[in-house]
PDB file of N, CA and C in Angstrom:
ATOM      1  N   MET A   1      14.031  38.866   5.238  1.00  0.00           N
ATOM      2  CA  MET A   1      13.098  39.486   4.331  1.00  0.00           C
ATOM      3  C   MET A   1      13.601  39.435   2.899  1.00  0.00           C
ATOM      4  N   ILE A   2      14.890  39.641   2.705  1.00  0.00           N
ATOM      5  CA  ILE A   2      15.424  39.627   1.340  1.00  0.00           C
ATOM      6  C   ILE A   2      15.388  38.227   0.756  1.00  0.00           C
ATOM      7  N   ALA A   3      15.533  37.203   1.614  1.00  0.00           N
ATOM      8  CA  ALA A   3      15.467  35.832   1.122  1.00  0.00           C
ATOM      9  C   ALA A   3      14.045  35.535   0.595  1.00  0.00           C
ATOM     10  N   ASN A   4      13.039  36.037   1.305  1.00  0.00           N
ATOM     11  CA  ASN A   4      11.666  35.841   0.833  1.00  0.00           C
ATOM     12  C   ASN A   4      11.438  36.578  -0.487  1.00  0.00           C
ATOM     13  N   ALA A   5      12.013  37.755  -0.605  1.00  0.00           N
ATOM     14  CA  ALA A   5      11.880  38.542  -1.839  1.00  0.00           C
ATOM     15  C   ALA A   5      12.568  37.833  -3.001  1.00  0.00           C
ATOM     16  N   LEU A   6      13.735  37.263  -2.749  1.00  0.00           N
ATOM     17  CA  LEU A   6      14.438  36.536  -3.818  1.00  0.00           C
ATOM     18  C   LEU A   6      13.651  35.306  -4.244  1.00  0.00           C
ATOM     19  N   LEU A   7      13.093  34.606  -3.290  1.00  0.00           N
ATOM     20  CA  LEU A   7      12.291  33.417  -3.613  1.00  0.00           C
ATOM     21  C   LEU A   7      11.048  33.799  -4.430  1.00  0.00           C
ATOM     22  N   ALA A   8      10.360  34.840  -4.000  1.00  0.00           N
ATOM     23  CA  ALA A   8       9.159  35.282  -4.720  1.00  0.00           C
ATOM     24  C   ALA A   8       9.512  35.807  -6.113  1.00  0.00           C
ATOM     25  N   ALA A   9      10.605  36.559  -6.213  1.00  0.00           N
ATOM     26  CA  ALA A   9      11.020  37.071  -7.511  1.00  0.00           C
ATOM     27  C   ALA A   9      11.420  35.934  -8.467  1.00  0.00           C
ATOM     28  N   THR A  10      12.069  34.927  -7.944  1.00  0.00           N
ATOM     29  CA  THR A  10      12.430  33.765  -8.766  1.00  0.00           C
ATOM     30  C   THR A  10      11.190  33.042  -9.285  1.00  0.00           C
ATOM     31  N   ALA A  11      10.215  32.882  -8.393  1.00  0.00           N
ATOM     32  CA  ALA A  11       8.958  32.226  -8.798  1.00  0.00           C
ATOM     33  C   ALA A  11       8.243  33.053  -9.857  1.00  0.00           C
ATOM     34  N   ILE A  12       8.194  34.373  -9.691  1.00  0.00           N
ATOM     35  CA  ILE A  12       7.534  35.244 -10.674  1.00  0.00           C
ATOM     36  C   ILE A  12       8.257  35.201 -11.998  1.00  0.00           C
ATOM     37  N   LEU A  13       9.585  35.267 -11.973  1.00  0.00           N
ATOM     38  CA  LEU A  13      10.360  35.238 -13.212  1.00  0.00           C
ATOM     39  C   LEU A  13      10.206  33.899 -13.941  1.00  0.00           C
ATOM     40  N   LEU A  14      10.215  32.806 -13.197  1.00  0.00           N
ATOM     41  CA  LEU A  14      10.012  31.497 -13.822  1.00  0.00           C
ATOM     42  C   LEU A  14       8.627  31.380 -14.436  1.00  0.00           C
ATOM     43  N   ALA A  15       7.626  31.879 -13.745  1.00  0.00           N
ATOM     44  CA  ALA A  15       6.259  31.845 -14.291  1.00  0.00           C
ATOM     45  C   ALA A  15       6.204  32.666 -15.571  1.00  0.00           C
ATOM     46  N   LEU A  16       6.844  33.818 -15.577  1.00  0.00           N
ATOM     47  CA  LEU A  16       6.864  34.668 -16.764  1.00  0.00           C
ATOM     48  C   LEU A  16       7.591  33.971 -17.917  1.00  0.00           C
ATOM     49  N   LEU A  17       8.708  33.307 -17.635  1.00  0.00           N
ATOM     50  CA  LEU A  17       9.450  32.591 -18.676  1.00  0.00           C
ATOM     51  C   LEU A  17       8.656  31.430 -19.250  1.00  0.00           C
ATOM     52  N   PHE A  18       7.962  30.674 -18.393  1.00  0.00           N
ATOM     53  CA  PHE A  18       7.138  29.574 -18.897  1.00  0.00           C
ATOM     54  C   PHE A  18       6.000  30.106 -19.753  1.00  0.00           C
ATOM     55  N   PHE A  19       5.407  31.218 -19.339  1.00  0.00           N
ATOM     56  CA  PHE A  19       4.337  31.822 -20.124  1.00  0.00           C
ATOM     57  C   PHE A  19       4.874  32.246 -21.498  1.00  0.00           C
ATOM     58  N   LEU A  20       6.040  32.898 -21.511  1.00  0.00           N
ATOM     59  CA  LEU A  20       6.618  33.329 -22.787  1.00  0.00           C
ATOM     60  C   LEU A  20       7.017  32.163 -23.665  1.00  0.00           C
ATOM     61  N   MET A  21       7.476  31.070 -23.078  1.00  0.00           N
ATOM     62  CA  MET A  21       7.817  29.901 -23.883  1.00  0.00           C
ATOM     63  C   MET A  21       6.587  29.359 -24.607  1.00  0.00           C
ATOM     64  N   GLY A  22       5.465  29.436 -23.972  1.00  0.00           N
ATOM     65  CA  GLY A  22       4.239  28.980 -24.614  1.00  0.00           C
ATOM     66  C   GLY A  22       3.750  29.935 -25.697  1.00  0.00           C
ATOM     67  N   GLN A  23       3.958  31.232 -25.493  1.00  0.00           N
ATOM     68  CA  GLN A  23       3.481  32.214 -26.438  1.00  0.00           C
ATOM     69  C   GLN A  23       4.384  32.398 -27.656  1.00  0.00           C
ATOM     70  N   LEU A  24       5.680  32.089 -27.520  1.00  0.00           N
ATOM     71  CA  LEU A  24       6.643  32.329 -28.592  1.00  0.00           C
ATOM     72  C   LEU A  24       7.069  31.042 -29.287  1.00  0.00           C
ATOM     73  N   ARG A  25       6.174  30.086 -29.417  1.00  0.00           N
ATOM     74  CA  ARG A  25       6.507  28.821 -30.088  1.00  0.00           C
ATOM     75  C   ARG A  25       6.863  29.016 -31.548  1.00  0.00           C
ATOM     76  N   PHE A  26       6.334  30.057 -32.180  1.00  0.00           N
ATOM     77  CA  PHE A  26       6.616  30.268 -33.599  1.00  0.00           C
ATOM     78  C   PHE A  26       8.090  30.630 -33.856  1.00  0.00           C
ATOM     79  N   LEU A  27       8.832  30.960 -32.808  1.00  0.00           N
ATOM     80  CA  LEU A  27      10.258  31.302 -32.965  1.00  0.00           C
ATOM     81  C   LEU A  27      11.177  30.082 -32.843  1.00  0.00           C
ATOM     82  N   ILE A  28      10.621  28.905 -32.603  1.00  0.00           N
ATOM     83  CA  ILE A  28      11.433  27.708 -32.414  1.00  0.00           C
ATOM     84  C   ILE A  28      12.377  27.426 -33.586  1.00  0.00           C
ATOM     85  N   PRO A  29      11.947  27.576 -34.855  1.00  0.00           N
ATOM     86  CA  PRO A  29      12.875  27.302 -35.938  1.00  0.00           C
ATOM     87  C   PRO A  29      14.111  28.205 -35.942  1.00  0.00           C
ATOM     88  N   TRP A  30      14.002  29.388 -35.381  1.00  0.00           N
ATOM     89  CA  TRP A  30      15.130  30.334 -35.378  1.00  0.00           C
ATOM     90  C   TRP A  30      15.767  30.449 -33.996  1.00  0.00           C
ATOM     91  N   ARG A  31      15.511  29.488 -33.106  1.00  0.00           N
ATOM     92  CA  ARG A  31      16.010  29.553 -31.737  1.00  0.00           C
ATOM     93  C   ARG A  31      17.523  29.666 -31.675  1.00  0.00           C
ATOM     94  N   ASP A  32      18.246  28.834 -32.401  1.00  0.00           N
ATOM     95  CA  ASP A  32      19.716  28.858 -32.359  1.00  0.00           C
ATOM     96  C   ASP A  32      20.271  30.174 -32.863  1.00  0.00           C
ATOM     97  N   LEU A  33      19.704  30.686 -33.935  1.00  0.00           N
ATOM     98  CA  LEU A  33      20.157  31.969 -34.471  1.00  0.00           C
ATOM     99  C   LEU A  33      19.907  33.108 -33.493  1.00  0.00           C
ATOM    100  N   ILE A  34      18.728  33.136 -32.887  1.00  0.00           N
ATOM    101  CA  ILE A  34      18.386  34.184 -31.932  1.00  0.00           C
ATOM    102  C   ILE A  34      19.286  34.135 -30.719  1.00  0.00           C
ATOM    103  N   LEU A  35      19.451  32.955 -30.134  1.00  0.00           N
ATOM    104  CA  LEU A  35      20.313  32.835 -28.939  1.00  0.00           C
ATOM    105  C   LEU A  35      21.761  33.157 -29.253  1.00  0.00           C
ATOM    106  N   HIS A  36      22.260  32.713 -30.409  1.00  0.00           N
ATOM    107  CA  HIS A  36      23.652  32.980 -30.768  1.00  0.00           C
ATOM    108  C   HIS A  36      23.888  34.477 -30.998  1.00  0.00           C
ATOM    109  N   SER A  37      22.955  35.142 -31.637  1.00  0.00           N
ATOM    110  CA  SER A  37      23.146  36.539 -31.976  1.00  0.00           C
ATOM    111  C   SER A  37      22.817  37.510 -30.837  1.00  0.00           C
ATOM    112  N   TYR A  38      21.844  37.150 -30.010  1.00  0.00           N
ATOM    113  CA  TYR A  38      21.344  38.124 -29.033  1.00  0.00           C
ATOM    114  C   TYR A  38      21.443  37.674 -27.583  1.00  0.00           C
ATOM    115  N   TRP A  39      22.319  36.720 -27.274  1.00  0.00           N
ATOM    116  CA  TRP A  39      22.343  36.210 -25.921  1.00  0.00           C
ATOM    117  C   TRP A  39      22.799  37.268 -24.930  1.00  0.00           C
ATOM    118  N   HIS A  40      23.671  38.212 -25.347  1.00  0.00           N
ATOM    119  CA  HIS A  40      24.105  39.278 -24.433  1.00  0.00           C
ATOM    120  C   HIS A  40      22.901  40.134 -24.028  1.00  0.00           C
ATOM    121  N   ALA A  41      22.150  40.555 -24.993  1.00  0.00           N
ATOM    122  CA  ALA A  41      21.000  41.413 -24.711  1.00  0.00           C
ATOM    123  C   ALA A  41      19.941  40.674 -23.914  1.00  0.00           C
ATOM    124  N   ILE A  42      19.724  39.390 -24.220  1.00  0.00           N
ATOM    125  CA  ILE A  42      18.742  38.608 -23.480  1.00  0.00           C
ATOM    126  C   ILE A  42      19.180  38.436 -22.030  1.00  0.00           C
ATOM    127  N   ALA A  43      20.437  38.158 -21.807  1.00  0.00           N
ATOM    128  CA  ALA A  43      20.950  37.983 -20.436  1.00  0.00           C
ATOM    129  C   ALA A  43      20.899  39.292 -19.659  1.00  0.00           C
ATOM    130  N   LEU A  44      21.255  40.393 -20.287  1.00  0.00           N
ATOM    131  CA  LEU A  44      21.211  41.698 -19.630  1.00  0.00           C
ATOM    132  C   LEU A  44      19.771  42.065 -19.269  1.00  0.00           C
ATOM    133  N   TYR A  45      18.863  41.913 -20.219  1.00  0.00           N
ATOM    134  CA  TYR A  45      17.474  42.227 -19.969  1.00  0.00           C
ATOM    135  C   TYR A  45      16.891  41.335 -18.870  1.00  0.00           C
ATOM    136  N   SER A  46      17.213  40.057 -18.881  1.00  0.00           N
ATOM    137  CA  SER A  46      16.703  39.140 -17.860  1.00  0.00           C
ATOM    138  C   SER A  46      17.246  39.516 -16.480  1.00  0.00           C
ATOM    139  N   GLY A  47      18.523  39.880 -16.404  1.00  0.00           N
ATOM    140  CA  GLY A  47      19.100  40.305 -15.124  1.00  0.00           C
ATOM    141  C   GLY A  47      18.450  41.565 -14.598  1.00  0.00           C
ATOM    142  N   LEU A  48      18.257  42.540 -15.477  1.00  0.00           N
ATOM    143  CA  LEU A  48      17.605  43.781 -15.054  1.00  0.00           C
ATOM    144  C   LEU A  48      16.144  43.545 -14.648  1.00  0.00           C
ATOM    145  N   LEU A  49      15.483  42.670 -15.363  1.00  0.00           N
ATOM    146  CA  LEU A  49      14.103  42.331 -15.022  1.00  0.00           C
ATOM    147  C   LEU A  49      14.047  41.677 -13.652  1.00  0.00           C
ATOM    148  N   PHE A  50      14.988  40.776 -13.363  1.00  0.00           N
ATOM    149  CA  PHE A  50      15.013  40.111 -12.070  1.00  0.00           C
ATOM    150  C   PHE A  50      15.241  41.110 -10.948  1.00  0.00           C
ATOM    151  N   VAL A  51      16.176  42.042 -11.156  1.00  0.00           N
ATOM    152  CA  VAL A  51      16.438  43.071 -10.121  1.00  0.00           C
ATOM    153  C   VAL A  51      15.191  43.925  -9.893  1.00  0.00           C
ATOM    154  N   ASN A  52      14.494  44.286 -10.961  1.00  0.00           N
ATOM    155  CA  ASN A  52      13.284  45.091 -10.800  1.00  0.00           C
ATOM    156  C   ASN A  52      12.180  44.307 -10.101  1.00  0.00           C
ATOM    157  N   ILE A  53      12.064  43.017 -10.377  1.00  0.00           N
ATOM    158  CA  ILE A  53      11.047  42.207  -9.709  1.00  0.00           C
ATOM    159  C   ILE A  53      11.379  42.094  -8.229  1.00  0.00           C
ATOM    160  N   VAL A  54      12.674  41.903  -7.883  1.00  0.00           N
ATOM    161  CA  VAL A  54      13.078  41.838  -6.479  1.00  0.00           C
ATOM    162  C   VAL A  54      12.735  43.149  -5.779  1.00  0.00           C
ATOM    163  N   ALA A  55      13.037  44.264  -6.426  1.00  0.00           N
ATOM    164  CA  ALA A  55      12.745  45.577  -5.829  1.00  0.00           C
ATOM    165  C   ALA A  55      11.247  45.758  -5.620  1.00  0.00           C
ATOM    166  N   THR A  56      10.452  45.327  -6.573  1.00  0.00           N
ATOM    167  CA  THR A  56       9.003  45.432  -6.439  1.00  0.00           C
ATOM    168  C   THR A  56       8.480  44.577  -5.319  1.00  0.00           C
ATOM    169  N   VAL A  57       8.991  43.364  -5.196  1.00  0.00           N
ATOM    170  CA  VAL A  57       8.549  42.467  -4.123  1.00  0.00           C
ATOM    171  C   VAL A  57       8.948  43.021  -2.763  1.00  0.00           C
ATOM    172  N   VAL A  58      10.159  43.555  -2.636  1.00  0.00           N
ATOM    173  CA  VAL A  58      10.592  44.158  -1.378  1.00  0.00           C
ATOM    174  C   VAL A  58       9.702  45.347  -1.023  1.00  0.00           C
ATOM    175  N   PHE A  59       9.391  46.179  -2.023  1.00  0.00           N
ATOM    176  CA  PHE A  59       8.508  47.334  -1.800  1.00  0.00           C
ATOM    177  C   PHE A  59       7.133  46.889  -1.305  1.00  0.00           C
ATOM    178  N   VAL A  60       6.580  45.878  -1.949  1.00  0.00           N
ATOM    179  CA  VAL A  60       5.251  45.393  -1.565  1.00  0.00           C
ATOM    180  C   VAL A  60       5.303  44.794  -0.159  1.00  0.00           C
ATOM    181  N   GLN A  61       6.347  44.067   0.158  1.00  0.00           N
ATOM    182  CA  GLN A  61       6.472  43.484   1.501  1.00  0.00           C
ATOM    183  C   GLN A  61       6.538  44.574   2.544  1.00  0.00           C
ATOM    184  N   ARG A  62       7.348  45.592   2.298  1.00  0.00           N
ATOM    185  CA  ARG A  62       7.493  46.672   3.267  1.00  0.00           C
ATOM    186  C   ARG A  62       6.200  47.481   3.376  1.00  0.00           C
ATOM    187  N   LYS A  63       5.525  47.670   2.272  1.00  0.00           N
ATOM    188  CA  LYS A  63       4.318  48.486   2.300  1.00  0.00           C
ATOM    189  C   LYS A  63       3.146  47.791   3.001  1.00  0.00           C
ATOM    190  N   PHE A  64       2.974  46.509   2.760  1.00  0.00           N
ATOM    191  CA  PHE A  64       1.799  45.829   3.301  1.00  0.00           C
ATOM    192  C   PHE A  64       2.082  44.979   4.531  1.00  0.00           C
ATOM    193  N   PHE A  65       3.262  44.378   4.627  1.00  0.00           N
ATOM    194  CA  PHE A  65       3.503  43.491   5.763  1.00  0.00           C
ATOM    195  C   PHE A  65       4.198  44.163   6.929  1.00  0.00           C
ATOM    196  N   LEU A  66       4.839  45.293   6.719  1.00  0.00           N
ATOM    197  CA  LEU A  66       5.481  46.020   7.799  1.00  0.00           C
ATOM    198  C   LEU A  66       4.803  47.365   8.030  1.00  0.00           C
ATOM    199  N   LYS A  67       3.544  47.442   7.667  1.00  0.00           N
ATOM    200  CA  LYS A  67       2.823  48.700   7.790  1.00  0.00           C
ATOM    201  C   LYS A  67       2.683  49.090   9.259  1.00  0.00           C
ATOM    202  N   ASP A  68       3.068  50.268   9.592  1.00  0.00           N
ATOM    203  CA  ASP A  68       2.968  50.829  10.949  1.00  0.00           C
ATOM    204  C   ASP A  68       3.726  50.022  11.994  1.00  0.00           C
ATOM    205  N   ALA A  69       4.788  49.338  11.583  1.00  0.00           N
ATOM    206  CA  ALA A  69       5.521  48.516  12.545  1.00  0.00           C
ATOM    207  C   ALA A  69       6.231  49.392  13.583  1.00  0.00           C
ATOM    208  N   GLY A  70       6.762  50.530  13.171  1.00  0.00           N
ATOM    209  CA  GLY A  70       7.439  51.410  14.108  1.00  0.00           C
ATOM    210  C   GLY A  70       6.486  51.971  15.148  1.00  0.00           C
ATOM    211  N   ARG A  71       5.311  52.379  14.719  1.00  0.00           N
ATOM    212  CA  ARG A  71       4.347  52.939  15.645  1.00  0.00           C
ATOM    213  C   ARG A  71       3.881  51.868  16.641  1.00  0.00           C
ATOM    214  N   LYS A  72       3.689  50.647  16.167  1.00  0.00           N
ATOM    215  CA  LYS A  72       3.280  49.570  17.049  1.00  0.00           C
ATOM    216  C   LYS A  72       4.368  49.248  18.071  1.00  0.00           C
ATOM    217  N   LEU A  73       5.625  49.291  17.636  1.00  0.00           N
ATOM    218  CA  LEU A  73       6.707  49.008  18.579  1.00  0.00           C
ATOM    219  C   LEU A  73       6.839  50.115  19.620  1.00  0.00           C
ATOM    220  N   VAL A  74       6.628  51.368  19.236  1.00  0.00           N
ATOM    221  CA  VAL A  74       6.670  52.453  20.202  1.00  0.00           C
ATOM    222  C   VAL A  74       5.560  52.300  21.230  1.00  0.00           C
ATOM    223  N   HIS A  75       4.379  51.944  20.771  1.00  0.00           N
ATOM    224  CA  HIS A  75       3.255  51.734  21.660  1.00  0.00           C
ATOM    225  C   HIS A  75       3.557  50.594  22.625  1.00  0.00           C
ATOM    226  N   PHE A  76       4.103  49.514  22.112  1.00  0.00           N
ATOM    227  CA  PHE A  76       4.469  48.375  22.954  1.00  0.00           C
ATOM    228  C   PHE A  76       5.534  48.749  23.978  1.00  0.00           C
ATOM    229  N   ASP A  77       6.510  49.536  23.547  1.00  0.00           N
ATOM    230  CA  ASP A  77       7.581  49.984  24.435  1.00  0.00           C
ATOM    231  C   ASP A  77       6.999  50.864  25.567  1.00  0.00           C
ATOM    232  N   LYS A  78       6.047  51.695  25.248  1.00  0.00           N
ATOM    233  CA  LYS A  78       5.409  52.539  26.279  1.00  0.00           C
ATOM    234  C   LYS A  78       4.658  51.667  27.270  1.00  0.00           C
ATOM    235  N   GLN A  79       3.995  50.622  26.778  1.00  0.00           N
ATOM    236  CA  GLN A  79       3.291  49.704  27.670  1.00  0.00           C
ATOM    237  C   GLN A  79       4.250  48.999  28.608  1.00  0.00           C
ATOM    238  N   ILE A  80       5.390  48.607  28.092  1.00  0.00           N
ATOM    239  CA  ILE A  80       6.371  47.930  28.925  1.00  0.00           C
ATOM    240  C   ILE A  80       6.864  48.823  30.037  1.00  0.00           C
ATOM    241  N   HIS A  81       7.174  50.072  29.708  1.00  0.00           N
ATOM    242  CA  HIS A  81       7.729  50.984  30.711  1.00  0.00           C
ATOM    243  C   HIS A  81       6.704  51.502  31.699  1.00  0.00           C
ATOM    244  N   THR A  82       5.443  51.552  31.325  1.00  0.00           N
ATOM    245  CA  THR A  82       4.416  52.028  32.256  1.00  0.00           C
ATOM    246  C   THR A  82       3.779  50.878  33.011  1.00  0.00           C
ATOM    247  N   GLY A  83       3.902  49.653  32.532  1.00  0.00           N
ATOM    248  CA  GLY A  83       3.347  48.496  33.217  1.00  0.00           C
ATOM    249  C   GLY A  83       1.842  48.411  33.138  1.00  0.00           C
ATOM    250  N   GLN A  84       1.248  48.797  32.023  1.00  0.00           N
ATOM    251  CA  GLN A  84      -0.193  48.830  31.888  1.00  0.00           C
ATOM    252  C   GLN A  84      -0.792  47.506  31.416  1.00  0.00           C
ATOM    253  N   HIS A  85       0.003  46.588  31.016  1.00  0.00           N
ATOM    254  CA  HIS A  85      -0.525  45.357  30.433  1.00  0.00           C
ATOM    255  C   HIS A  85       0.137  44.169  31.112  1.00  0.00           C
ATOM    256  N   ALA A  86      -0.574  43.046  31.216  1.00  0.00           N
ATOM    257  CA  ALA A  86      -0.021  41.849  31.862  1.00  0.00           C
ATOM    258  C   ALA A  86       1.176  41.322  31.112  1.00  0.00           C
ATOM    259  N   LEU A  87       1.135  41.367  29.788  1.00  0.00           N
ATOM    260  CA  LEU A  87       2.256  40.904  29.010  1.00  0.00           C
ATOM    261  C   LEU A  87       3.470  41.796  29.219  1.00  0.00           C
ATOM    262  N   SER A  88       3.227  43.079  29.396  1.00  0.00           N
ATOM    263  CA  SER A  88       4.355  43.982  29.621  1.00  0.00           C
ATOM    264  C   SER A  88       5.038  43.710  30.952  1.00  0.00           C
ATOM    265  N   MET A  89       4.299  43.170  31.943  1.00  0.00           N
ATOM    266  CA  MET A  89       4.913  42.826  33.216  1.00  0.00           C
ATOM    267  C   MET A  89       5.939  41.707  33.036  1.00  0.00           C
ATOM    268  N   GLU A  90       5.581  40.753  32.180  1.00  0.00           N
ATOM    269  CA  GLU A  90       6.521  39.650  31.918  1.00  0.00           C
ATOM    270  C   GLU A  90       7.790  40.185  31.273  1.00  0.00           C
ATOM    271  N   PHE A  91       7.618  41.086  30.293  1.00  0.00           N
ATOM    272  CA  PHE A  91       8.787  41.661  29.624  1.00  0.00           C
ATOM    273  C   PHE A  91       9.583  42.527  30.589  1.00  0.00           C
ATOM    274  N   ALA A  92       8.905  43.238  31.476  1.00  0.00           N
ATOM    275  CA  ALA A  92       9.624  44.082  32.440  1.00  0.00           C
ATOM    276  C   ALA A  92      10.424  43.213  33.379  1.00  0.00           C
ATOM    277  N   GLU A  93       9.871  42.081  33.788  1.00  0.00           N
ATOM    278  CA  GLU A  93      10.616  41.160  34.657  1.00  0.00           C
ATOM    279  C   GLU A  93      11.822  40.591  33.952  1.00  0.00           C
ATOM    280  N   MET A  94      11.656  40.274  32.661  1.00  0.00           N
ATOM    281  CA  MET A  94      12.784  39.759  31.887  1.00  0.00           C
ATOM    282  C   MET A  94      13.862  40.803  31.743  1.00  0.00           C
ATOM    283  N   ALA A  95      13.460  42.076  31.563  1.00  0.00           N
ATOM    284  CA  ALA A  95      14.425  43.159  31.396  1.00  0.00           C
ATOM    285  C   ALA A  95      15.208  43.371  32.682  1.00  0.00           C
ATOM    286  N   THR A  96      14.540  43.292  33.839  1.00  0.00           N
ATOM    287  CA  THR A  96      15.255  43.474  35.104  1.00  0.00           C
ATOM    288  C   THR A  96      16.197  42.312  35.370  1.00  0.00           C
ATOM    289  N   GLN A  97      15.801  41.110  34.968  1.00  0.00           N
ATOM    290  CA  GLN A  97      16.690  39.957  35.138  1.00  0.00           C
ATOM    291  C   GLN A  97      17.934  40.078  34.266  1.00  0.00           C
ATOM    292  N   GLU A  98      17.776  40.633  33.073  1.00  0.00           N
ATOM    293  CA  GLU A  98      18.927  40.788  32.167  1.00  0.00           C
ATOM    294  C   GLU A  98      19.846  41.871  32.702  1.00  0.00           C
ATOM    295  N   GLU A  99      19.305  42.886  33.338  1.00  0.00           N
ATOM    296  CA  GLU A  99      20.146  43.964  33.860  1.00  0.00           C
ATOM    297  C   GLU A  99      20.993  43.511  35.030  1.00  0.00           C
ATOM    298  N   GLU A 100      20.491  42.524  35.791  1.00  0.00           N
ATOM    299  CA  GLU A 100      21.221  42.038  36.977  1.00  0.00           C
ATOM    300  C   GLU A 100      22.338  41.188  36.561  1.00  0.00           C
TER     301      GLU A 100
END
């Protein structure tokens, strides 16, 4: 899950950087001066922005893609132990084979 979040955060950050490169063309004559004077602040801000984007992507993944996962697993576990579903019979057979 974290690998997906890192990939998505990288894509979002690159899209944001390309957008900013297009919007800040008027700063091109002063590019060397800006980078030389403020590279520490730019690097720190970019790193913090990346961490925040990763945290946001992880939050969104957990909120929408893992919604009610625990409740669904508990329900599935109850089905396995009570034998109410055909699929649960297969899992019950596999569990007894592993115990032997």
